[in-house]
Amino acid sequence: MQLMLNGEIKNISATTLDDLVIELKLEQRTIAIELNNAVVPRSEYHSTNLQKNDKLEIVHMIGGG
């Protein structure tokens, strides 16, 4: 399926946000995902289905001190 991911068109096989996190090998607790201009709570990743042409923005949190 084709999605817009952080401004780039990507072909992915994931069907949910949980699957996408696994496919992209991301650390779930250090990211935030926006799907079609709405931030999705981590607790909803498993039940949030992806559709062709969805627009996703994934942001990595970076700690510092």
N, C-alpha and C. Protein backbone atom coordinates (compact mmCIF):
# COMPACT_ATOMS: atom_id res chain seq x y z
N MET A 1 0.85 -1.17 0.00
CA MET A 1 0.00 0.00 0.00
C MET A 1 0.89 1.24 0.00
N GLN A 2 0.44 2.28 -0.64
CA GLN A 2 1.21 3.50 -0.75
C GLN A 2 0.70 4.55 0.23
N LEU A 3 1.64 5.14 1.00
CA LEU A 3 1.33 6.18 1.97
C LEU A 3 2.28 7.35 1.77
N MET A 4 1.91 8.49 2.34
CA MET A 4 2.82 9.63 2.42
C MET A 4 3.38 9.61 3.84
N LEU A 5 4.67 9.34 3.96
CA LEU A 5 5.32 9.22 5.26
C LEU A 5 6.40 10.28 5.39
N ASN A 6 6.18 11.22 6.30
CA ASN A 6 7.11 12.34 6.51
C ASN A 6 7.47 13.03 5.20
N GLY A 7 6.44 13.24 4.38
CA GLY A 7 6.62 13.98 3.14
C GLY A 7 7.10 13.18 1.95
N GLU A 8 7.31 11.87 2.13
CA GLU A 8 7.77 11.01 1.04
C GLU A 8 6.77 9.89 0.79
N ILE A 9 6.57 9.55 -0.47
CA ILE A 9 5.69 8.43 -0.80
C ILE A 9 6.44 7.13 -0.50
N LYS A 10 5.80 6.25 0.28
CA LYS A 10 6.40 4.97 0.67
C LYS A 10 5.42 3.84 0.39
N ASN A 11 5.94 2.70 -0.01
CA ASN A 11 5.14 1.49 -0.14
C ASN A 11 5.39 0.64 1.09
N ILE A 12 4.32 0.29 1.79
CA ILE A 12 4.44 -0.49 3.01
C ILE A 12 3.46 -1.66 2.96
N SER A 13 3.72 -2.66 3.81
CA SER A 13 2.80 -3.79 3.89
C SER A 13 1.96 -3.75 5.16
N ALA A 14 2.27 -2.85 6.09
CA ALA A 14 1.55 -2.74 7.36
C ALA A 14 0.09 -2.37 7.12
N THR A 15 -0.78 -2.88 8.00
CA THR A 15 -2.20 -2.55 7.90
C THR A 15 -2.68 -1.73 9.10
N THR A 16 -1.90 -1.70 10.19
CA THR A 16 -2.22 -0.88 11.36
C THR A 16 -0.98 -0.07 11.76
N LEU A 17 -1.18 0.90 12.63
CA LEU A 17 -0.02 1.67 13.10
C LEU A 17 0.95 0.78 13.87
N ASP A 18 0.43 -0.17 14.65
CA ASP A 18 1.30 -1.12 15.36
C ASP A 18 2.19 -1.86 14.36
N ASP A 19 1.59 -2.36 13.29
CA ASP A 19 2.34 -3.08 12.25
C ASP A 19 3.39 -2.17 11.60
N LEU A 20 3.03 -0.90 11.40
CA LEU A 20 3.96 0.04 10.79
C LEU A 20 5.18 0.28 11.68
N VAL A 21 4.94 0.43 12.97
CA VAL A 21 6.05 0.62 13.92
C VAL A 21 7.01 -0.57 13.84
N ILE A 22 6.46 -1.77 13.76
CA ILE A 22 7.29 -2.98 13.66
C ILE A 22 8.01 -3.01 12.31
N GLU A 23 7.29 -2.74 11.24
CA GLU A 23 7.89 -2.78 9.89
C GLU A 23 9.05 -1.79 9.75
N LEU A 24 8.89 -0.61 10.35
CA LEU A 24 9.93 0.41 10.26
C LEU A 24 10.99 0.28 11.35
N LYS A 25 10.81 -0.72 12.22
CA LYS A 25 11.76 -0.99 13.32
C LYS A 25 11.95 0.24 14.20
N LEU A 26 10.83 0.83 14.62
CA LEU A 26 10.86 2.01 15.48
C LEU A 26 10.65 1.62 16.93
N GLU A 27 11.19 2.41 17.83
CA GLU A 27 10.98 2.22 19.27
C GLU A 27 9.71 2.99 19.64
N GLN A 28 8.65 2.25 19.95
CA GLN A 28 7.32 2.85 20.13
C GLN A 28 7.30 3.93 21.21
N ARG A 29 8.05 3.77 22.27
CA ARG A 29 7.96 4.76 23.36
C ARG A 29 8.70 6.06 23.07
N THR A 30 9.43 6.14 21.97
CA THR A 30 10.17 7.37 21.66
C THR A 30 9.64 8.08 20.42
N ILE A 31 8.44 7.73 19.98
CA ILE A 31 7.87 8.36 18.79
C ILE A 31 6.46 8.87 19.06
N ALA A 32 6.04 9.78 18.22
CA ALA A 32 4.64 10.21 18.17
C ALA A 32 4.23 10.12 16.70
N ILE A 33 2.99 9.69 16.49
CA ILE A 33 2.51 9.53 15.11
C ILE A 33 1.27 10.40 14.89
N GLU A 34 1.34 11.16 13.81
CA GLU A 34 0.20 11.94 13.36
C GLU A 34 -0.33 11.29 12.09
N LEU A 35 -1.61 11.00 12.08
CA LEU A 35 -2.25 10.36 10.93
C LEU A 35 -3.31 11.30 10.40
N ASN A 36 -3.12 11.75 9.17
CA ASN A 36 -4.08 12.67 8.52
C ASN A 36 -4.40 13.87 9.42
N ASN A 37 -3.33 14.49 9.94
CA ASN A 37 -3.40 15.72 10.74
C ASN A 37 -3.98 15.54 12.14
N ALA A 38 -4.02 14.33 12.66
CA ALA A 38 -4.48 14.09 14.03
C ALA A 38 -3.49 13.16 14.73
N VAL A 39 -3.03 13.58 15.92
CA VAL A 39 -2.11 12.74 16.69
C VAL A 39 -2.87 11.52 17.21
N VAL A 40 -2.28 10.35 17.05
CA VAL A 40 -2.91 9.10 17.49
C VAL A 40 -2.26 8.67 18.81
N PRO A 41 -3.07 8.47 19.86
CA PRO A 41 -2.50 7.99 21.13
C PRO A 41 -1.89 6.60 20.95
N ARG A 42 -0.79 6.35 21.63
CA ARG A 42 -0.11 5.05 21.55
C ARG A 42 -1.06 3.89 21.84
N SER A 43 -1.99 4.11 22.75
CA SER A 43 -2.93 3.05 23.12
C SER A 43 -3.86 2.66 21.97
N GLU A 44 -3.88 3.46 20.91
CA GLU A 44 -4.76 3.17 19.77
C GLU A 44 -4.01 2.67 18.53
N TYR A 45 -2.69 2.51 18.62
CA TYR A 45 -1.91 2.06 17.47
C TYR A 45 -2.41 0.72 16.95
N HIS A 46 -2.74 -0.21 17.86
CA HIS A 46 -3.15 -1.55 17.44
C HIS A 46 -4.50 -1.55 16.72
N SER A 47 -5.34 -0.57 17.00
CA SER A 47 -6.68 -0.55 16.40
C SER A 47 -6.83 0.51 15.31
N THR A 48 -5.74 1.20 14.99
CA THR A 48 -5.81 2.24 13.95
C THR A 48 -5.35 1.65 12.62
N ASN A 49 -6.31 1.48 11.73
CA ASN A 49 -6.03 0.90 10.42
C ASN A 49 -5.49 1.95 9.46
N LEU A 50 -4.59 1.50 8.61
CA LEU A 50 -4.02 2.37 7.58
C LEU A 50 -4.76 2.15 6.27
N GLN A 51 -4.88 3.23 5.50
CA GLN A 51 -5.55 3.17 4.21
C GLN A 51 -4.64 3.77 3.15
N LYS A 52 -4.82 3.34 1.93
CA LYS A 52 -4.05 3.88 0.81
C LYS A 52 -4.13 5.40 0.82
N ASN A 53 -2.99 6.04 0.59
CA ASN A 53 -2.86 7.50 0.51
C ASN A 53 -3.00 8.23 1.84
N ASP A 54 -2.98 7.51 2.98
CA ASP A 54 -2.94 8.19 4.27
C ASP A 54 -1.69 9.05 4.35
N LYS A 55 -1.77 10.12 5.12
CA LYS A 55 -0.63 11.01 5.33
C LYS A 55 -0.17 10.83 6.78
N LEU A 56 1.07 10.37 6.94
CA LEU A 56 1.63 10.13 8.27
C LEU A 56 2.85 11.00 8.52
N GLU A 57 2.95 11.48 9.74
CA GLU A 57 4.15 12.17 10.20
C GLU A 57 4.59 11.43 11.45
N ILE A 58 5.84 10.99 11.47
CA ILE A 58 6.39 10.30 12.64
C ILE A 58 7.51 11.17 13.19
N VAL A 59 7.40 11.49 14.47
CA VAL A 59 8.37 12.34 15.14
C VAL A 59 9.07 11.52 16.22
N HIS A 60 10.41 11.59 16.24
CA HIS A 60 11.19 10.91 17.27
C HIS A 60 11.48 11.88 18.39
N MET A 61 11.24 11.45 19.63
CA MET A 61 11.54 12.27 20.81
C MET A 61 13.03 12.09 21.15
N ILE A 62 13.67 13.19 21.46
CA ILE A 62 15.07 13.14 21.84
C ILE A 62 15.21 13.81 23.20
N GLY A 63 15.80 13.09 24.15
CA GLY A 63 16.02 13.65 25.49
C GLY A 63 17.37 14.34 25.56
N GLY A 64 17.48 15.22 26.47
CA GLY A 64 18.75 15.93 26.65
C GLY A 64 18.81 16.52 28.04
N GLY A 65 19.90 17.12 28.31
CA GLY A 65 19.97 17.68 29.65
C GLY A 65 21.00 18.76 29.77
